[in-house]
Amino acid sequence: MAPHCDTMDGPVVTAAELALEMENISYVLPYVREDHERELKDAFDKTVVVRELSGDAAEVADYWFFETAVRLHMMGRGKSYTGIKHSGLKRRSVINKAEEAIETSDKSELEEFLMDFINEAFESRFETAMSNKEYDLNDVEAARDYVNSKLEFVEFSHKLYMQIENANRMEDD
């Protein structure tokens, strides 16, 4: 998933906080795979009990539960767990826009952002290749510039296509 799932203000910790606040693990369970569900439920049950001891105990127990939830989430996504990162990390605006699209049920801003981003990258490479296309056959440096810019454009197009195709294939699995 997204590169912010291991932050204190990411969706996993936010769901875990809500689960503890509402004393309902169902808020965070969707973030872990079914085969990790038992471990998360055990951690939740222990955390709820320890939270009753004191404010300090609650703070330590909560953080342990957040770490457990994030670790299990990352494992389920095939990612390594390196600890929870602090809140306020600068997220890429596409992540914020994607989350906002889901929250507002409106994808138009995200769609415009992505299309503009792709178009700018695509146009830049295309224009560079086109500007290098007309060269003197005897000017080897100019010929190399053209070949390099042409290949960069073709490779960019191919990689973009493959990324989308692979993402679509993953959805089908």
Protein backbone atom coordinates (compact mmCIF):
# COMPACT_ATOMS: atom_id res chain seq x y z
CA MET A 1 0.00 0.00 0.00
CA ALA A 2 0.87 3.51 0.41
CA PRO A 3 4.21 4.70 1.75
CA HIS A 4 2.57 6.34 4.77
CA CYS A 5 1.00 3.27 6.36
CA ASP A 6 3.86 3.11 8.85
CA THR A 7 3.42 6.64 10.22
CA MET A 8 1.67 7.73 13.41
CA ASP A 9 -0.82 9.70 11.33
CA GLY A 10 -1.26 7.02 8.69
CA PRO A 11 -4.43 5.01 8.16
CA VAL A 12 -3.34 1.93 10.16
CA VAL A 13 -2.52 3.81 13.36
CA THR A 14 -5.57 6.03 12.91
CA ALA A 15 -7.77 2.92 12.65
CA ALA A 16 -5.99 1.33 15.63
CA GLU A 17 -6.60 4.47 17.71
CA LEU A 18 -10.27 4.40 16.82
CA ALA A 19 -10.46 0.69 17.63
CA LEU A 20 -9.07 1.36 21.11
CA GLU A 21 -11.24 4.42 21.65
CA MET A 22 -14.40 2.57 20.63
CA GLU A 23 -13.18 -0.76 22.09
CA ASN A 24 -13.98 -2.39 18.76
CA ILE A 25 -11.19 -4.10 16.84
CA SER A 26 -13.28 -4.07 13.66
CA TYR A 27 -11.94 -0.60 12.89
CA VAL A 28 -8.40 -1.92 12.34
CA LEU A 29 -8.95 -5.54 11.27
CA PRO A 30 -9.36 -4.67 7.56
CA TYR A 31 -5.73 -3.53 7.52
CA VAL A 32 -4.35 -6.99 8.30
CA ARG A 33 -4.62 -10.25 6.42
CA GLU A 34 -6.85 -12.95 7.78
CA ASP A 35 -3.87 -15.12 8.75
CA HIS A 36 -2.62 -12.30 11.04
CA GLU A 37 -6.03 -11.59 12.56
CA ARG A 38 -5.57 -13.77 15.66
CA GLU A 39 -2.31 -12.05 16.62
CA LEU A 40 -3.90 -8.63 16.27
CA LYS A 41 -6.94 -9.67 18.30
CA ASP A 42 -4.69 -11.00 21.07
CA ALA A 43 -2.71 -7.74 21.11
CA PHE A 44 -5.95 -5.76 21.19
CA ASP A 45 -7.35 -7.75 24.13
CA LYS A 46 -4.13 -7.33 26.12
CA THR A 47 -3.95 -3.63 25.32
CA VAL A 48 -7.52 -3.01 26.48
CA VAL A 49 -6.72 -4.67 29.83
CA VAL A 50 -3.41 -2.84 30.35
CA ARG A 51 -4.96 0.55 29.45
CA GLU A 52 -7.01 0.33 32.65
CA LEU A 53 -3.91 0.24 34.89
CA SER A 54 -2.70 3.83 34.51
CA GLY A 55 -2.13 6.63 32.03
CA ASP A 56 1.49 5.62 31.53
CA ALA A 57 0.54 1.98 31.08
CA ALA A 58 -2.12 3.00 28.55
CA GLU A 59 0.41 5.04 26.58
CA VAL A 60 2.89 2.15 26.39
CA ALA A 61 0.16 -0.40 25.61
CA ASP A 62 -1.35 1.79 22.90
CA TYR A 63 1.98 2.26 21.19
CA TRP A 64 2.67 -1.49 21.36
CA PHE A 65 -0.72 -2.14 19.78
CA PHE A 66 -0.03 0.42 17.03
CA GLU A 67 3.31 -1.24 16.31
CA THR A 68 1.68 -4.66 16.18
CA ALA A 69 -1.02 -3.44 13.79
CA VAL A 70 1.46 -1.69 11.50
CA ARG A 71 3.89 -4.63 11.56
CA LEU A 72 1.15 -7.10 10.65
CA HIS A 73 -0.16 -4.76 7.95
CA MET A 74 3.28 -4.39 6.42
CA MET A 75 3.88 -8.15 6.54
CA GLY A 76 0.59 -8.72 4.77
CA ARG A 77 1.67 -6.32 2.03
CA GLY A 78 5.04 -8.03 1.66
CA LYS A 79 6.88 -5.00 3.06
CA SER A 80 9.48 -4.92 5.78
CA TYR A 81 8.64 -3.29 9.08
CA THR A 82 11.18 -0.78 10.34
CA GLY A 83 9.15 0.83 13.10
CA ILE A 84 6.50 3.49 13.19
CA LYS A 85 7.55 6.84 11.81
CA HIS A 86 6.43 10.06 13.44
CA SER A 87 3.42 12.11 12.35
CA GLY A 88 3.67 14.98 9.98
CA LEU A 89 5.96 13.38 7.44
CA LYS A 90 5.49 15.16 4.18
CA ARG A 91 3.35 12.88 2.10
CA ARG A 92 3.31 13.02 -1.64
CA SER A 93 0.35 15.06 -2.69
CA VAL A 94 -1.00 12.15 -4.75
CA ILE A 95 -1.51 10.17 -1.53
CA ASN A 96 -3.40 13.02 0.07
CA LYS A 97 -5.47 13.50 -3.07
CA ALA A 98 -6.26 9.77 -3.31
CA GLU A 99 -7.38 9.62 0.32
CA GLU A 100 -9.43 12.78 -0.13
CA ALA A 101 -11.08 11.32 -3.25
CA ILE A 102 -12.24 8.31 -1.25
CA GLU A 103 -13.43 10.44 1.70
CA THR A 104 -15.38 12.85 -0.52
CA SER A 105 -16.45 10.27 -3.12
CA ASP A 106 -15.08 12.64 -5.76
CA LYS A 107 -12.12 11.56 -7.89
CA SER A 108 -12.04 14.60 -10.18
CA GLU A 109 -9.20 16.45 -8.43
CA LEU A 110 -7.07 13.31 -8.21
CA GLU A 111 -7.82 12.39 -11.80
CA GLU A 112 -6.89 15.87 -13.02
CA PHE A 113 -3.69 15.82 -10.95
CA LEU A 114 -2.63 12.42 -12.30
CA MET A 115 -3.51 13.22 -15.91
CA ASP A 116 -1.62 16.51 -15.75
CA PHE A 117 1.39 14.79 -14.18
CA ILE A 118 1.43 12.04 -16.82
CA ASN A 119 0.84 14.49 -19.66
CA GLU A 120 3.69 16.76 -18.53
CA ALA A 121 6.12 13.84 -18.26
CA PHE A 122 4.95 12.40 -21.58
CA GLU A 123 5.01 15.73 -23.44
CA SER A 124 8.45 16.66 -22.11
CA ARG A 125 10.01 13.44 -23.37
CA PHE A 126 8.15 13.60 -26.67
CA GLU A 127 9.14 17.23 -27.31
CA THR A 128 12.78 16.47 -26.51
CA ALA A 129 12.78 13.57 -28.98
CA MET A 130 11.06 15.68 -31.63
CA SER A 131 13.46 18.59 -31.18
CA ASN A 132 16.40 16.19 -31.62
CA LYS A 133 14.88 14.36 -34.58
CA GLU A 134 16.23 16.62 -37.33
CA TYR A 135 20.02 16.34 -37.18
CA ASP A 136 22.95 16.27 -39.58
CA LEU A 137 23.82 12.65 -40.30
CA ASN A 138 27.51 13.50 -39.90
CA ASP A 139 26.99 15.04 -36.44
CA VAL A 140 27.41 11.97 -34.27
CA GLU A 141 26.71 13.84 -31.01
CA ALA A 142 23.41 15.17 -32.38
CA ALA A 143 22.53 11.68 -33.61
CA ARG A 144 23.25 10.26 -30.16
CA ASP A 145 21.09 12.95 -28.56
CA TYR A 146 18.25 11.94 -30.85
CA VAL A 147 18.67 8.21 -30.25
CA ASN A 148 18.86 8.74 -26.47
CA SER A 149 15.82 11.01 -26.35
CA LYS A 150 13.87 8.66 -28.64
CA LEU A 151 14.73 5.67 -26.45
CA GLU A 152 13.86 7.56 -23.29
CA PHE A 153 10.44 8.42 -24.74
CA VAL A 154 9.80 4.84 -25.87
CA GLU A 155 11.00 3.36 -22.57
CA PHE A 156 8.93 5.84 -20.55
CA SER A 157 5.83 4.94 -22.57
CA HIS A 158 6.51 1.24 -22.12
CA LYS A 159 7.16 1.50 -18.37
CA LEU A 160 4.01 3.56 -17.85
CA TYR A 161 1.98 1.00 -19.77
CA MET A 162 3.53 -1.92 -17.86
CA GLN A 163 2.90 -0.27 -14.47
CA ILE A 164 -0.77 0.08 -15.28
CA GLU A 165 -1.01 -3.39 -16.80
CA ASN A 166 0.70 -4.95 -13.75
CA ALA A 167 -1.59 -3.08 -11.38
CA ASN A 168 -4.60 -4.30 -13.33
CA ARG A 169 -3.29 -7.86 -13.23
CA MET A 170 -2.79 -7.65 -9.46
CA GLU A 171 -6.46 -6.65 -9.09
CA ASP A 172 -7.49 -9.74 -11.02
CA ASP A 173 -5.53 -12.08 -8.72
